[in-house]
Amino acid sequence: MRQFCHYYQAGEKLQQLVAEIPWGQNLTIMSKVKEPEEREYYLKSTAEMGWSRNVLLHQIKSDAYQRHQLANKQHNFDKALPAHLA
């Protein structure tokens, strides 16, 4: 519980995400993910996509965060799409 409080006390945005997912997924993220930005990605993705603990663990092991970051850098949507669609 102390570790849980330490990780999430500073960020109100993260506190809300933590409340949206089950305790088991929170424990998995805390034990496997060390970087705050990466932790936020997995919290958001778990809440949005309803990942089970096993799916979440698979996503962490397969570096879904790094693949997501790489994919975001390789597109030109902001240049190609009109402003209202970007």
PDB file of N, CA and C in Angstrom:
ATOM      1  N   MET A   1       0.823  -1.187   0.000  1.00  0.00           N
ATOM      2  CA  MET A   1       0.000   0.000   0.000  1.00  0.00           C
ATOM      3  C   MET A   1       0.871   1.255   0.000  1.00  0.00           C
ATOM      4  N   ARG A   2       1.998   1.197   0.713  1.00  0.00           N
ATOM      5  CA  ARG A   2       2.894   2.345   0.749  1.00  0.00           C
ATOM      6  C   ARG A   2       3.451   2.636  -0.640  1.00  0.00           C
ATOM      7  N   GLN A   3       3.844   1.592  -1.338  1.00  0.00           N
ATOM      8  CA  GLN A   3       4.352   1.751  -2.695  1.00  0.00           C
ATOM      9  C   GLN A   3       3.262   2.316  -3.603  1.00  0.00           C
ATOM     10  N   PHE A   4       2.053   1.836  -3.458  1.00  0.00           N
ATOM     11  CA  PHE A   4       0.913   2.309  -4.234  1.00  0.00           C
ATOM     12  C   PHE A   4       0.727   3.817  -4.022  1.00  0.00           C
ATOM     13  N   CYS A   5       0.737   4.234  -2.786  1.00  0.00           N
ATOM     14  CA  CYS A   5       0.583   5.653  -2.454  1.00  0.00           C
ATOM     15  C   CYS A   5       1.743   6.466  -3.017  1.00  0.00           C
ATOM     16  N   HIS A   6       2.941   5.949  -2.893  1.00  0.00           N
ATOM     17  CA  HIS A   6       4.134   6.649  -3.400  1.00  0.00           C
ATOM     18  C   HIS A   6       4.053   6.875  -4.906  1.00  0.00           C
ATOM     19  N   TYR A   7       3.624   5.873  -5.645  1.00  0.00           N
ATOM     20  CA  TYR A   7       3.559   5.978  -7.101  1.00  0.00           C
ATOM     21  C   TYR A   7       2.519   6.987  -7.577  1.00  0.00           C
ATOM     22  N   TYR A   8       1.386   7.055  -6.902  1.00  0.00           N
ATOM     23  CA  TYR A   8       0.256   7.786  -7.451  1.00  0.00           C
ATOM     24  C   TYR A   8      -0.152   9.046  -6.686  1.00  0.00           C
ATOM     25  N   GLN A   9       0.546   9.400  -5.618  1.00  0.00           N
ATOM     26  CA  GLN A   9       0.135  10.556  -4.835  1.00  0.00           C
ATOM     27  C   GLN A   9       0.319  11.882  -5.575  1.00  0.00           C
ATOM     28  N   ALA A  10       1.293  11.983  -6.453  1.00  0.00           N
ATOM     29  CA  ALA A  10       1.592  13.249  -7.104  1.00  0.00           C
ATOM     30  C   ALA A  10       0.656  13.560  -8.271  1.00  0.00           C
ATOM     31  N   GLY A  11       0.198  12.547  -8.970  1.00  0.00           N
ATOM     32  CA  GLY A  11      -0.575  12.799 -10.176  1.00  0.00           C
ATOM     33  C   GLY A  11      -2.062  12.562 -10.017  1.00  0.00           C
ATOM     34  N   GLU A  12      -2.863  13.630 -10.044  1.00  0.00           N
ATOM     35  CA  GLU A  12      -4.308  13.475  -9.932  1.00  0.00           C
ATOM     36  C   GLU A  12      -4.871  12.698 -11.119  1.00  0.00           C
ATOM     37  N   LYS A  13      -4.281  12.915 -12.287  1.00  0.00           N
ATOM     38  CA  LYS A  13      -4.730  12.221 -13.493  1.00  0.00           C
ATOM     39  C   LYS A  13      -4.540  10.711 -13.317  1.00  0.00           C
ATOM     40  N   LEU A  14      -3.404  10.317 -12.762  1.00  0.00           N
ATOM     41  CA  LEU A  14      -3.145   8.888 -12.546  1.00  0.00           C
ATOM     42  C   LEU A  14      -4.049   8.314 -11.468  1.00  0.00           C
ATOM     43  N   GLN A  15      -4.347   9.095 -10.440  1.00  0.00           N
ATOM     44  CA  GLN A  15      -5.216   8.615  -9.372  1.00  0.00           C
ATOM     45  C   GLN A  15      -6.586   8.232  -9.915  1.00  0.00           C
ATOM     46  N   GLN A  16      -7.103   9.015 -10.838  1.00  0.00           N
ATOM     47  CA  GLN A  16      -8.398   8.705 -11.425  1.00  0.00           C
ATOM     48  C   GLN A  16      -8.321   7.425 -12.253  1.00  0.00           C
ATOM     49  N   LEU A  17      -7.244   7.266 -13.028  1.00  0.00           N
ATOM     50  CA  LEU A  17      -7.078   6.058 -13.836  1.00  0.00           C
ATOM     51  C   LEU A  17      -6.957   4.820 -12.953  1.00  0.00           C
ATOM     52  N   VAL A  18      -6.211   4.936 -11.876  1.00  0.00           N
ATOM     53  CA  VAL A  18      -6.013   3.812 -10.955  1.00  0.00           C
ATOM     54  C   VAL A  18      -7.345   3.340 -10.397  1.00  0.00           C
ATOM     55  N   ALA A  19      -8.233   4.267 -10.119  1.00  0.00           N
ATOM     56  CA  ALA A  19      -9.537   3.912  -9.553  1.00  0.00           C
ATOM     57  C   ALA A  19     -10.430   3.194 -10.565  1.00  0.00           C
ATOM     58  N   GLU A  20     -10.128   3.315 -11.838  1.00  0.00           N
ATOM     59  CA  GLU A  20     -10.974   2.729 -12.876  1.00  0.00           C
ATOM     60  C   GLU A  20     -10.653   1.270 -13.193  1.00  0.00           C
ATOM     61  N   ILE A  21      -9.513   0.784 -12.742  1.00  0.00           N
ATOM     62  CA  ILE A  21      -9.140  -0.587 -13.091  1.00  0.00           C
ATOM     63  C   ILE A  21      -9.023  -1.443 -11.821  1.00  0.00           C
ATOM     64  N   PRO A  22      -9.172  -2.748 -11.959  1.00  0.00           N
ATOM     65  CA  PRO A  22      -9.110  -3.642 -10.792  1.00  0.00           C
ATOM     66  C   PRO A  22      -7.739  -3.635 -10.101  1.00  0.00           C
ATOM     67  N   TRP A  23      -7.763  -4.022  -8.855  1.00  0.00           N
ATOM     68  CA  TRP A  23      -6.568  -4.030  -8.022  1.00  0.00           C
ATOM     69  C   TRP A  23      -5.464  -4.914  -8.611  1.00  0.00           C
ATOM     70  N   GLY A  24      -5.810  -6.046  -9.162  1.00  0.00           N
ATOM     71  CA  GLY A  24      -4.812  -6.959  -9.731  1.00  0.00           C
ATOM     72  C   GLY A  24      -4.031  -6.319 -10.869  1.00  0.00           C
ATOM     73  N   GLN A  25      -4.723  -5.577 -11.725  1.00  0.00           N
ATOM     74  CA  GLN A  25      -4.050  -4.888 -12.818  1.00  0.00           C
ATOM     75  C   GLN A  25      -3.141  -3.779 -12.277  1.00  0.00           C
ATOM     76  N   ASN A  26      -3.598  -3.084 -11.238  1.00  0.00           N
ATOM     77  CA  ASN A  26      -2.756  -2.060 -10.615  1.00  0.00           C
ATOM     78  C   ASN A  26      -1.467  -2.668 -10.071  1.00  0.00           C
ATOM     79  N   LEU A  27      -1.584  -3.805  -9.403  1.00  0.00           N
ATOM     80  CA  LEU A  27      -0.399  -4.467  -8.858  1.00  0.00           C
ATOM     81  C   LEU A  27       0.552  -4.902  -9.964  1.00  0.00           C
ATOM     82  N   THR A  28       0.014  -5.399 -11.062  1.00  0.00           N
ATOM     83  CA  THR A  28       0.844  -5.818 -12.192  1.00  0.00           C
ATOM     84  C   THR A  28       1.606  -4.630 -12.759  1.00  0.00           C
ATOM     85  N   ILE A  29       0.916  -3.517 -12.958  1.00  0.00           N
ATOM     86  CA  ILE A  29       1.567  -2.323 -13.499  1.00  0.00           C
ATOM     87  C   ILE A  29       2.634  -1.807 -12.544  1.00  0.00           C
ATOM     88  N   MET A  30       2.325  -1.766 -11.256  1.00  0.00           N
ATOM     89  CA  MET A  30       3.310  -1.275 -10.279  1.00  0.00           C
ATOM     90  C   MET A  30       4.555  -2.150 -10.236  1.00  0.00           C
ATOM     91  N   SER A  31       4.373  -3.456 -10.359  1.00  0.00           N
ATOM     92  CA  SER A  31       5.524  -4.346 -10.224  1.00  0.00           C
ATOM     93  C   SER A  31       6.339  -4.464 -11.510  1.00  0.00           C
ATOM     94  N   LYS A  32       5.728  -4.247 -12.659  1.00  0.00           N
ATOM     95  CA  LYS A  32       6.415  -4.481 -13.929  1.00  0.00           C
ATOM     96  C   LYS A  32       6.847  -3.202 -14.652  1.00  0.00           C
ATOM     97  N   VAL A  33       6.235  -2.061 -14.346  1.00  0.00           N
ATOM     98  CA  VAL A  33       6.489  -0.831 -15.102  1.00  0.00           C
ATOM     99  C   VAL A  33       7.058   0.231 -14.161  1.00  0.00           C
ATOM    100  N   LYS A  34       8.210   0.765 -14.508  1.00  0.00           N
ATOM    101  CA  LYS A  34       8.879   1.710 -13.619  1.00  0.00           C
ATOM    102  C   LYS A  34       8.740   3.177 -14.053  1.00  0.00           C
ATOM    103  N   GLU A  35       8.648   3.443 -15.334  1.00  0.00           N
ATOM    104  CA  GLU A  35       8.587   4.823 -15.824  1.00  0.00           C
ATOM    105  C   GLU A  35       7.160   5.367 -15.731  1.00  0.00           C
ATOM    106  N   PRO A  36       6.990   6.594 -15.222  1.00  0.00           N
ATOM    107  CA  PRO A  36       5.644   7.170 -15.059  1.00  0.00           C
ATOM    108  C   PRO A  36       4.851   7.284 -16.362  1.00  0.00           C
ATOM    109  N   GLU A  37       5.492   7.670 -17.458  1.00  0.00           N
ATOM    110  CA  GLU A  37       4.774   7.815 -18.728  1.00  0.00           C
ATOM    111  C   GLU A  37       4.288   6.457 -19.226  1.00  0.00           C
ATOM    112  N   GLU A  38       5.129   5.469 -19.062  1.00  0.00           N
ATOM    113  CA  GLU A  38       4.773   4.113 -19.478  1.00  0.00           C
ATOM    114  C   GLU A  38       3.652   3.572 -18.593  1.00  0.00           C
ATOM    115  N   ARG A  39       3.750   3.843 -17.306  1.00  0.00           N
ATOM    116  CA  ARG A  39       2.715   3.417 -16.364  1.00  0.00           C
ATOM    117  C   ARG A  39       1.373   4.047 -16.744  1.00  0.00           C
ATOM    118  N   GLU A  40       1.387   5.332 -17.111  1.00  0.00           N
ATOM    119  CA  GLU A  40       0.163   6.014 -17.518  1.00  0.00           C
ATOM    120  C   GLU A  40      -0.425   5.374 -18.773  1.00  0.00           C
ATOM    121  N   TYR A  41       0.428   5.016 -19.727  1.00  0.00           N
ATOM    122  CA  TYR A  41      -0.039   4.357 -20.951  1.00  0.00           C
ATOM    123  C   TYR A  41      -0.778   3.058 -20.620  1.00  0.00           C
ATOM    124  N   TYR A  42      -0.176   2.226 -19.769  1.00  0.00           N
ATOM    125  CA  TYR A  42      -0.805   0.947 -19.437  1.00  0.00           C
ATOM    126  C   TYR A  42      -2.080   1.133 -18.613  1.00  0.00           C
ATOM    127  N   LEU A  43      -2.102   2.117 -17.736  1.00  0.00           N
ATOM    128  CA  LEU A  43      -3.323   2.405 -16.983  1.00  0.00           C
ATOM    129  C   LEU A  43      -4.449   2.819 -17.925  1.00  0.00           C
ATOM    130  N   LYS A  44      -4.162   3.750 -18.832  1.00  0.00           N
ATOM    131  CA  LYS A  44      -5.175   4.219 -19.788  1.00  0.00           C
ATOM    132  C   LYS A  44      -5.648   3.083 -20.682  1.00  0.00           C
ATOM    133  N   SER A  45      -4.710   2.335 -21.210  1.00  0.00           N
ATOM    134  CA  SER A  45      -5.064   1.254 -22.123  1.00  0.00           C
ATOM    135  C   SER A  45      -5.894   0.181 -21.437  1.00  0.00           C
ATOM    136  N   THR A  46      -5.549  -0.144 -20.215  1.00  0.00           N
ATOM    137  CA  THR A  46      -6.305  -1.150 -19.464  1.00  0.00           C
ATOM    138  C   THR A  46      -7.724  -0.663 -19.216  1.00  0.00           C
ATOM    139  N   ALA A  47      -7.862   0.612 -18.845  1.00  0.00           N
ATOM    140  CA  ALA A  47      -9.199   1.162 -18.597  1.00  0.00           C
ATOM    141  C   ALA A  47     -10.016   1.233 -19.880  1.00  0.00           C
ATOM    142  N   GLU A  48      -9.402   1.687 -20.962  1.00  0.00           N
ATOM    143  CA  GLU A  48     -10.123   1.867 -22.222  1.00  0.00           C
ATOM    144  C   GLU A  48     -10.481   0.544 -22.895  1.00  0.00           C
ATOM    145  N   MET A  49      -9.561  -0.413 -22.851  1.00  0.00           N
ATOM    146  CA  MET A  49      -9.753  -1.657 -23.597  1.00  0.00           C
ATOM    147  C   MET A  49     -10.192  -2.829 -22.735  1.00  0.00           C
ATOM    148  N   GLY A  50     -10.276  -2.618 -21.436  1.00  0.00           N
ATOM    149  CA  GLY A  50     -10.737  -3.675 -20.540  1.00  0.00           C
ATOM    150  C   GLY A  50      -9.823  -4.879 -20.487  1.00  0.00           C
ATOM    151  N   TRP A  51      -8.510  -4.635 -20.528  1.00  0.00           N
ATOM    152  CA  TRP A  51      -7.555  -5.738 -20.501  1.00  0.00           C
ATOM    153  C   TRP A  51      -7.654  -6.519 -19.200  1.00  0.00           C
ATOM    154  N   SER A  52      -7.638  -7.827 -19.300  1.00  0.00           N
ATOM    155  CA  SER A  52      -7.531  -8.677 -18.115  1.00  0.00           C
ATOM    156  C   SER A  52      -6.082  -8.615 -17.629  1.00  0.00           C
ATOM    157  N   ARG A  53      -5.827  -9.196 -16.485  1.00  0.00           N
ATOM    158  CA  ARG A  53      -4.464  -9.194 -15.959  1.00  0.00           C
ATOM    159  C   ARG A  53      -3.507  -9.935 -16.900  1.00  0.00           C
ATOM    160  N   ASN A  54      -3.961 -11.041 -17.467  1.00  0.00           N
ATOM    161  CA  ASN A  54      -3.109 -11.806 -18.383  1.00  0.00           C
ATOM    162  C   ASN A  54      -2.820 -11.026 -19.660  1.00  0.00           C
ATOM    163  N   VAL A  55      -3.825 -10.366 -20.197  1.00  0.00           N
ATOM    164  CA  VAL A  55      -3.624  -9.568 -21.408  1.00  0.00           C
ATOM    165  C   VAL A  55      -2.682  -8.409 -21.108  1.00  0.00           C
ATOM    166  N   LEU A  56      -2.886  -7.756 -19.972  1.00  0.00           N
ATOM    167  CA  LEU A  56      -2.004  -6.656 -19.567  1.00  0.00           C
ATOM    168  C   LEU A  56      -0.561  -7.137 -19.451  1.00  0.00           C
ATOM    169  N   LEU A  57      -0.356  -8.249 -18.812  1.00  0.00           N
ATOM    170  CA  LEU A  57       0.991  -8.798 -18.657  1.00  0.00           C
ATOM    171  C   LEU A  57       1.612  -9.112 -20.015  1.00  0.00           C
ATOM    172  N   HIS A  58       0.829  -9.667 -20.917  1.00  0.00           N
ATOM    173  CA  HIS A  58       1.314  -9.941 -22.269  1.00  0.00           C
ATOM    174  C   HIS A  58       1.695  -8.637 -22.981  1.00  0.00           C
ATOM    175  N   GLN A  59       0.882  -7.609 -22.831  1.00  0.00           N
ATOM    176  CA  GLN A  59       1.172  -6.317 -23.461  1.00  0.00           C
ATOM    177  C   GLN A  59       2.468  -5.712 -22.904  1.00  0.00           C
ATOM    178  N   ILE A  60       2.670  -5.828 -21.610  1.00  0.00           N
ATOM    179  CA  ILE A  60       3.896  -5.303 -20.992  1.00  0.00           C
ATOM    180  C   ILE A  60       5.104  -6.081 -21.499  1.00  0.00           C
ATOM    181  N   LYS A  61       5.004  -7.399 -21.518  1.00  0.00           N
ATOM    182  CA  LYS A  61       6.128  -8.233 -21.970  1.00  0.00           C
ATOM    183  C   LYS A  61       6.453  -8.018 -23.439  1.00  0.00           C
ATOM    184  N   SER A  62       5.449  -7.685 -24.238  1.00  0.00           N
ATOM    185  CA  SER A  62       5.687  -7.469 -25.669  1.00  0.00           C
ATOM    186  C   SER A  62       6.003  -6.007 -25.991  1.00  0.00           C
ATOM    187  N   ASP A  63       6.253  -5.202 -24.958  1.00  0.00           N
ATOM    188  CA  ASP A  63       6.644  -3.790 -25.118  1.00  0.00           C
ATOM    189  C   ASP A  63       5.632  -2.980 -25.929  1.00  0.00           C
ATOM    190  N   ALA A  64       4.368  -3.104 -25.576  1.00  0.00           N
ATOM    191  CA  ALA A  64       3.315  -2.371 -26.286  1.00  0.00           C
ATOM    192  C   ALA A  64       3.546  -0.868 -26.214  1.00  0.00           C
ATOM    193  N   TYR A  65       4.038  -0.376 -25.090  1.00  0.00           N
ATOM    194  CA  TYR A  65       4.289   1.063 -24.950  1.00  0.00           C
ATOM    195  C   TYR A  65       5.326   1.542 -25.967  1.00  0.00           C
ATOM    196  N   GLN A  66       6.430   0.831 -26.099  1.00  0.00           N
ATOM    197  CA  GLN A  66       7.466   1.227 -27.049  1.00  0.00           C
ATOM    198  C   GLN A  66       6.944   1.157 -28.483  1.00  0.00           C
ATOM    199  N   ARG A  67       6.175   0.124 -28.793  1.00  0.00           N
ATOM    200  CA  ARG A  67       5.607   0.009 -30.136  1.00  0.00           C
ATOM    201  C   ARG A  67       4.624   1.140 -30.413  1.00  0.00           C
ATOM    202  N   HIS A  68       3.859   1.515 -29.406  1.00  0.00           N
ATOM    203  CA  HIS A  68       2.915   2.623 -29.549  1.00  0.00           C
ATOM    204  C   HIS A  68       3.654   3.934 -29.801  1.00  0.00           C
ATOM    205  N   GLN A  69       4.734   4.168 -29.056  1.00  0.00           N
ATOM    206  CA  GLN A  69       5.524   5.384 -29.238  1.00  0.00           C
ATOM    207  C   GLN A  69       6.143   5.426 -30.629  1.00  0.00           C
ATOM    208  N   LEU A  70       6.648   4.310 -31.071  1.00  0.00           N
ATOM    209  CA  LEU A  70       7.260   4.226 -32.398  1.00  0.00           C
ATOM    210  C   LEU A  70       6.221   4.481 -33.483  1.00  0.00           C
ATOM    211  N   ALA A  71       5.049   3.912 -33.337  1.00  0.00           N
ATOM    212  CA  ALA A  71       3.982   4.100 -34.332  1.00  0.00           C
ATOM    213  C   ALA A  71       3.551   5.558 -34.404  1.00  0.00           C
ATOM    214  N   ASN A  72       3.522   6.245 -33.268  1.00  0.00           N
ATOM    215  CA  ASN A  72       3.123   7.653 -33.256  1.00  0.00           C
ATOM    216  C   ASN A  72       4.149   8.543 -33.933  1.00  0.00           C
ATOM    217  N   LYS A  73       5.390   8.130 -33.944  1.00  0.00           N
ATOM    218  CA  LYS A  73       6.445   8.929 -34.571  1.00  0.00           C
ATOM    219  C   LYS A  73       6.518   8.700 -36.074  1.00  0.00           C
ATOM    220  N   GLN A  74       5.919   7.618 -36.572  1.00  0.00           N
ATOM    221  CA  GLN A  74       6.067   7.246 -37.970  1.00  0.00           C
ATOM    222  C   GLN A  74       4.887   7.640 -38.848  1.00  0.00           C
ATOM    223  N   HIS A  75       3.989   8.421 -38.350  1.00  0.00           N
ATOM    224  CA  HIS A  75       2.873   8.842 -39.196  1.00  0.00           C
ATOM    225  C   HIS A  75       2.944  10.347 -39.441  1.00  0.00           C
ATOM    226  N   ASN A  76       2.219  10.774 -40.435  1.00  0.00           N
ATOM    227  CA  ASN A  76       2.197  12.194 -40.771  1.00  0.00           C
ATOM    228  C   ASN A  76       0.780  12.746 -40.707  1.00  0.00           C
ATOM    229  N   PHE A  77      -0.038  12.227 -39.804  1.00  0.00           N
ATOM    230  CA  PHE A  77      -1.417  12.652 -39.703  1.00  0.00           C
ATOM    231  C   PHE A  77      -1.552  14.157 -39.450  1.00  0.00           C
ATOM    232  N   ASP A  78      -0.703  14.688 -38.589  1.00  0.00           N
ATOM    233  CA  ASP A  78      -0.798  16.099 -38.269  1.00  0.00           C
ATOM    234  C   ASP A  78      -0.509  16.994 -39.477  1.00  0.00           C
ATOM    235  N   LYS A  79       0.267  16.498 -40.433  1.00  0.00           N
ATOM    236  CA  LYS A  79       0.581  17.274 -41.628  1.00  0.00           C
ATOM    237  C   LYS A  79      -0.403  16.995 -42.757  1.00  0.00           C
ATOM    238  N   ALA A  80      -0.887  15.778 -42.859  1.00  0.00           N
ATOM    239  CA  ALA A  80      -1.718  15.363 -43.969  1.00  0.00           C
ATOM    240  C   ALA A  80      -3.211  15.630 -43.773  1.00  0.00           C
ATOM    241  N   LEU A  81      -3.668  15.566 -42.533  1.00  0.00           N
ATOM    242  CA  LEU A  81      -5.090  15.757 -42.268  1.00  0.00           C
ATOM    243  C   LEU A  81      -5.422  17.221 -42.024  1.00  0.00           C
ATOM    244  N   PRO A  82      -6.621  17.630 -42.355  1.00  0.00           N
ATOM    245  CA  PRO A  82      -7.061  18.984 -41.998  1.00  0.00           C
ATOM    246  C   PRO A  82      -7.053  19.143 -40.470  1.00  0.00           C
ATOM    247  N   ALA A  83      -6.921  20.352 -40.000  1.00  0.00           N
ATOM    248  CA  ALA A  83      -6.781  20.617 -38.563  1.00  0.00           C
ATOM    249  C   ALA A  83      -7.940  20.050 -37.745  1.00  0.00           C
ATOM    250  N   HIS A  84      -9.151  20.108 -38.257  1.00  0.00           N
ATOM    251  CA  HIS A  84     -10.307  19.621 -37.480  1.00  0.00           C
ATOM    252  C   HIS A  84     -10.335  18.092 -37.365  1.00  0.00           C
ATOM    253  N   LEU A  85      -9.547  17.393 -38.157  1.00  0.00           N
ATOM    254  CA  LEU A  85      -9.503  15.929 -38.070  1.00  0.00           C
ATOM    255  C   LEU A  85      -8.260  15.406 -37.361  1.00  0.00           C
ATOM    256  N   ALA A  86      -7.252  16.229 -37.196  1.00  0.00           N
ATOM    257  CA  ALA A  86      -5.979  15.778 -36.602  1.00  0.00           C
ATOM    258  C   ALA A  86      -6.064  15.589 -35.135  1.00  0.00           C
TER     259      ALA A  86
END
